Protein backbone atom coordinates (compact mmCIF):
# COMPACT_ATOMS: atom_id res chain seq x y z
CA MET A 1 113.91 102.05 81.59
CA ASN A 2 111.05 100.59 79.63
CA ASN A 3 112.33 96.99 79.59
CA ARG A 4 111.09 95.42 82.77
CA ARG A 5 113.20 92.61 84.16
CA SER A 6 112.46 90.02 86.75
CA PHE A 7 114.66 90.20 89.80
CA PRO A 8 114.95 87.97 92.90
CA PRO A 9 113.25 87.31 95.18
CA HIS A 10 111.05 84.81 93.29
CA PRO A 11 107.23 85.23 93.84
CA LYS A 12 107.17 82.07 95.88
CA LEU A 13 109.92 83.54 98.12
CA SER A 14 107.80 86.65 98.59
CA VAL A 15 104.88 84.52 99.80
CA ILE A 16 107.23 82.61 102.15
CA LEU A 17 108.52 85.91 103.54
CA LEU A 18 104.94 87.11 104.12
CA THR A 19 104.14 83.84 105.93
CA LEU A 20 107.19 84.23 108.17
CA VAL A 21 106.25 87.85 108.94
CA LEU A 22 102.68 86.86 109.89
CA ALA A 23 103.93 83.88 111.90
CA TYR A 24 106.26 86.13 113.92
CA PHE A 25 103.66 87.66 116.07
CA PRO A 26 100.60 85.36 116.44
CA SER A 27 101.33 85.22 120.18
CA LYS A 28 101.22 88.99 120.27
CA ALA A 29 97.83 89.05 118.54
CA GLN A 30 96.41 86.52 121.00
CA LYS A 31 97.33 88.70 123.99
CA THR A 32 94.65 90.82 125.58
CA PHE A 33 95.09 94.34 124.19
CA ARG A 34 95.66 96.75 127.05
CA GLU A 35 94.93 99.73 124.81
CA ARG A 36 92.78 100.34 121.70
CA ASP A 37 93.07 103.34 119.49
CA ASP A 38 91.71 104.84 116.26
CA GLN A 39 93.60 107.23 114.03
CA GLN A 40 93.08 109.19 110.86
CA TRP A 41 95.95 110.05 108.48
CA ILE A 42 96.27 112.44 105.50
CA GLN A 43 99.39 111.88 103.41
CA TYR A 44 101.09 113.30 100.34
CA VAL A 45 103.86 111.35 98.51
CA ASN A 46 105.91 112.67 95.59
CA LEU A 47 108.33 110.73 93.28
CA THR A 48 110.33 113.04 91.00
CA SER A 49 112.69 111.67 88.35
CA ILE A 50 115.63 114.11 88.06
CA ALA A 51 117.85 112.13 85.69
CA GLN A 52 117.81 108.78 83.80
CA LYS A 53 118.30 106.76 86.96
CA TRP A 54 118.04 109.25 89.85
CA VAL A 55 114.86 110.12 91.78
CA ILE A 56 113.82 112.20 94.75
CA HIS A 57 111.21 110.60 96.98
CA SER A 58 109.38 112.81 99.50
CA SER A 59 106.38 112.43 101.76
CA THR A 60 104.53 114.33 104.44
CA SER A 61 101.60 113.45 106.67
CA PHE A 62 99.32 114.75 109.43
CA ARG A 63 97.88 112.28 111.87
CA TRP A 64 94.91 112.54 114.29
CA ARG A 65 92.90 110.32 116.62
CA ASP A 66 89.37 110.31 117.86
CA THR A 67 87.88 111.35 114.51
CA TYR A 68 90.27 114.27 113.89
CA HIS A 69 89.79 115.67 117.40
CA ARG A 70 93.34 115.21 118.69
CA GLY A 71 96.56 115.58 116.73
CA THR A 72 99.12 112.85 117.18
CA GLN A 73 101.97 113.46 114.71
CA PHE A 74 103.34 115.53 111.83
CA HIS A 75 106.15 114.24 109.64
CA ILE A 76 108.12 115.18 106.58
CA ARG A 77 110.65 112.86 104.93
CA SER A 78 112.80 113.10 101.78
CA GLY A 79 115.53 111.06 100.18
CA VAL A 80 117.55 110.59 96.99
CA GLY A 81 117.30 107.27 95.16
CA TYR A 82 119.18 105.44 92.42
CA GLN A 83 117.17 103.24 90.05
CA PHE A 84 119.39 100.28 89.21
CA THR A 85 116.60 98.76 86.99
CA ASP A 86 112.89 99.37 86.62
CA GLN A 87 112.55 96.83 89.50
CA VAL A 88 115.34 97.73 91.91
CA ARG A 89 115.85 101.07 93.65
CA PHE A 90 118.08 102.20 96.53
CA LEU A 91 117.01 105.21 98.53
CA SER A 92 118.69 107.17 101.36
CA GLY A 93 117.36 110.20 103.18
CA ILE A 94 116.18 111.69 106.44
CA GLY A 95 112.86 112.43 108.09
CA PHE A 96 111.66 114.84 110.76
CA PHE A 97 108.88 113.69 113.07
CA ARG A 98 106.99 115.76 115.63
CA PRO A 99 104.63 113.68 117.78
CA ILE A 100 101.93 115.65 119.52
CA ASN A 101 100.17 114.68 122.77
CA ASN A 102 97.22 116.74 124.08
CA SER A 103 98.08 119.54 121.70
CA SER A 104 101.61 119.95 123.10
CA VAL A 105 104.86 118.79 121.51
CA ILE A 106 106.51 116.08 123.62
CA HIS A 107 109.58 115.33 121.54
CA HIS A 108 111.25 115.79 118.18
CA GLU A 109 112.77 113.02 116.16
CA LEU A 110 115.32 112.98 113.36
CA ARG A 111 115.25 109.72 111.47
CA PRO A 112 117.91 109.01 108.78
CA PHE A 113 116.97 105.94 106.75
CA GLN A 114 118.27 103.64 104.02
CA GLU A 115 115.92 101.60 101.83
CA LEU A 116 116.03 98.94 99.16
CA ARG A 117 112.94 98.26 97.05
CA ILE A 118 112.72 95.17 94.80
CA GLY A 119 109.71 94.90 92.50
CA GLN A 120 108.39 92.10 90.39
CA ASP A 121 105.42 91.71 88.03
CA VAL A 122 103.68 88.34 88.10
CA GLY A 123 100.96 88.40 85.48
CA LYS A 124 99.02 91.58 86.22
CA THR A 125 99.99 91.54 89.97
CA ARG A 126 102.68 93.87 91.18
CA ILE A 127 104.83 92.58 94.08
CA VAL A 128 107.17 94.90 95.97
CA ASN A 129 109.64 93.92 98.79
CA ARG A 130 110.91 96.84 100.77
CA PHE A 131 113.77 96.57 103.28
CA GLN A 132 114.51 99.62 105.41
CA VAL A 133 116.83 100.61 108.23
CA GLU A 134 116.18 103.66 110.39
CA GLU A 135 118.47 105.44 112.86
CA ARG A 136 116.27 107.26 115.41
CA PHE A 137 117.43 110.43 117.27
CA LEU A 138 114.86 111.51 119.89
CA ASN A 139 115.01 114.83 121.78
CA ARG A 140 112.65 115.27 124.73
CA VAL A 141 111.17 118.78 124.67
CA GLU A 142 110.13 118.73 128.41
CA THR A 143 113.55 117.85 129.74
CA GLY A 144 115.87 118.84 126.88
CA GLN A 145 117.42 115.33 127.12
CA THR A 146 118.33 113.26 124.07
CA ASP A 147 117.53 109.59 124.13
CA PRO A 148 120.18 107.00 123.16
CA VAL A 149 120.26 106.55 119.43
CA TYR A 150 118.82 103.29 118.30
CA MET A 151 118.00 101.49 115.06
CA ARG A 152 114.79 100.03 113.75
CA PHE A 153 114.39 97.52 110.90
CA ARG A 154 111.33 97.44 108.71
CA TYR A 155 110.24 94.90 106.15
CA ALA A 156 107.19 95.38 103.93
CA LEU A 157 105.65 93.06 101.37
CA ASN A 158 103.11 94.68 99.03
CA PHE A 159 100.75 93.15 96.48
CA THR A 160 98.85 95.38 94.04
CA PHE A 161 96.04 93.85 91.95
CA PRO A 162 94.24 95.56 88.99
CA VAL A 163 90.48 95.58 89.27
CA ALA A 164 89.17 97.81 86.43
CA ASP A 165 90.67 99.73 83.53
CA PHE A 166 89.28 103.12 82.66
CA SER A 167 91.93 104.06 80.06
CA GLY A 168 90.92 106.16 77.13
CA VAL A 169 92.71 107.80 74.21
CA GLY A 170 95.94 109.15 75.58
CA LYS A 171 94.94 108.41 79.18
CA SER A 172 95.81 105.64 81.55
CA ASN A 173 93.38 105.21 84.51
CA GLU A 174 93.09 102.07 86.55
CA LEU A 175 91.38 100.97 89.71
CA GLN A 176 93.59 98.71 91.89
CA ILE A 177 93.55 96.99 95.22
CA THR A 178 96.66 96.98 97.43
CA LEU A 179 97.49 94.54 100.25
CA ARG A 180 100.54 95.07 102.43
CA ASN A 181 102.09 93.74 105.57
CA GLU A 182 104.92 95.62 107.32
CA LEU A 183 106.94 94.40 110.34
CA PHE A 184 108.90 96.82 112.59
CA ILE A 185 111.75 95.34 114.65
CA ASN A 186 113.88 97.38 117.11
CA GLY A 187 117.61 96.85 117.10
CA GLN A 188 119.71 96.28 120.21
CA ASN A 189 119.73 99.45 122.32
CA SER A 190 119.78 100.74 125.87
CA SER A 191 116.41 102.56 125.72
CA GLN A 192 114.36 99.64 127.08
CA GLU A 193 112.58 99.22 123.70
CA LYS A 194 111.17 95.75 123.04
CA THR A 195 112.52 93.84 120.04
CA PHE A 196 109.03 93.56 118.51
CA ASP A 197 107.80 97.12 117.82
CA GLN A 198 104.74 96.80 115.64
CA ASP A 199 103.11 95.04 112.69
CA ARG A 200 100.85 96.85 110.25
CA ILE A 201 98.48 95.19 107.79
CA THR A 202 97.09 97.50 105.06
CA LEU A 203 94.22 97.04 102.60
CA GLY A 204 92.53 99.50 100.27
CA PRO A 205 91.65 100.78 96.77
CA ILE A 206 93.86 102.89 94.54
CA LEU A 207 92.76 105.03 91.66
CA SER A 208 95.93 105.22 89.49
CA MET A 209 96.12 107.94 86.84
CA GLU A 210 98.92 109.33 84.63
CA GLN A 211 100.63 111.50 87.24
CA PHE A 212 98.46 111.09 90.33
CA SER A 213 97.23 108.18 92.45
CA PHE A 214 94.50 108.44 95.09
CA LEU A 215 94.52 105.86 97.87
CA LEU A 216 91.98 105.14 100.65
CA LEU A 217 93.72 102.76 103.05
CA TRP A 218 92.79 100.84 106.15
CA HIS A 219 95.67 99.92 108.48
CA ASN A 220 95.24 97.27 111.20
CA GLN A 221 98.21 97.79 113.58
CA ILE A 222 99.54 95.88 116.58
CA SER A 223 102.14 97.74 118.72
CA SER A 224 104.17 96.91 121.75
CA LEU A 225 103.72 99.03 124.85
CA SER A 226 106.56 99.86 127.29
CA TYR A 227 105.35 97.62 130.07
CA GLN A 228 105.46 93.82 130.13
CA GLY A 229 102.66 92.10 128.21
CA GLY A 230 101.25 95.37 126.93
CA TYR A 231 99.99 95.70 123.40
CA ARG A 232 97.93 98.34 121.58
CA TYR A 233 95.52 97.68 118.68
CA THR A 234 95.08 100.64 116.37
CA SER A 235 92.57 100.97 113.54
CA ILE A 236 93.73 103.62 111.03
CA LEU A 237 91.92 105.22 108.10
CA ALA A 238 94.30 106.99 105.72
CA PHE A 239 93.77 109.09 102.62
CA GLN A 240 96.88 109.47 100.44
CA VAL A 241 97.66 111.43 97.29
CA SER A 242 100.71 110.30 95.30
CA GLN A 243 102.29 112.33 92.49
CA ARG A 244 104.84 111.40 89.85
CA LEU A 245 106.96 114.02 88.09
CA ASN A 246 109.70 113.99 85.45
CA LEU A 247 112.19 116.87 85.31
């Protein structure tokens, strides 16, 4: 797995895809935001290689708003992936999400997902395209009712640029900058969800080490609200620790 190979899409196609994603919602961004929000996230991500081409990818996070005063969500997600090449990986798994509103649980959600990641190195820049499908199963705690199952499609385009190299003898440490845009689209369903769900732009530094990476990320998010013409702008500050293991 040391021989990196180029794989479609071509870098120019990645830029075109990003342009299309950004062009999808300019009318949304021009709307008057009916709600504004700020959130704070703490995240842990683990990628464990269990065989030559098999991996386990897991993540968990706690989310707050109003400077850690009100909890909004806890989630844990895990999946098994197959690494076709160094650049192409398929992953399938399930997540459990527990949104919290005013310190009380309002619903639970099970979220199976399937994901395809296609990476590419262009010079020193790392480009990753991620295509994901989620099946969402929501159970309302207050009423005991289960919402109709619906699907959501996610596409993310991520650029990672090296900034400084702090590598020493037997050590590999690098400061990087990451830029990502992710579009969330709801599939056809009977739950009155809008087709456009949200768009999230991410920017921040990464300290990449041998087994750990530390990320401080700023997310700028636009989300649809349930009523006509309603959109929410959310500013999110996230701290993430990523760990890589080989079994």
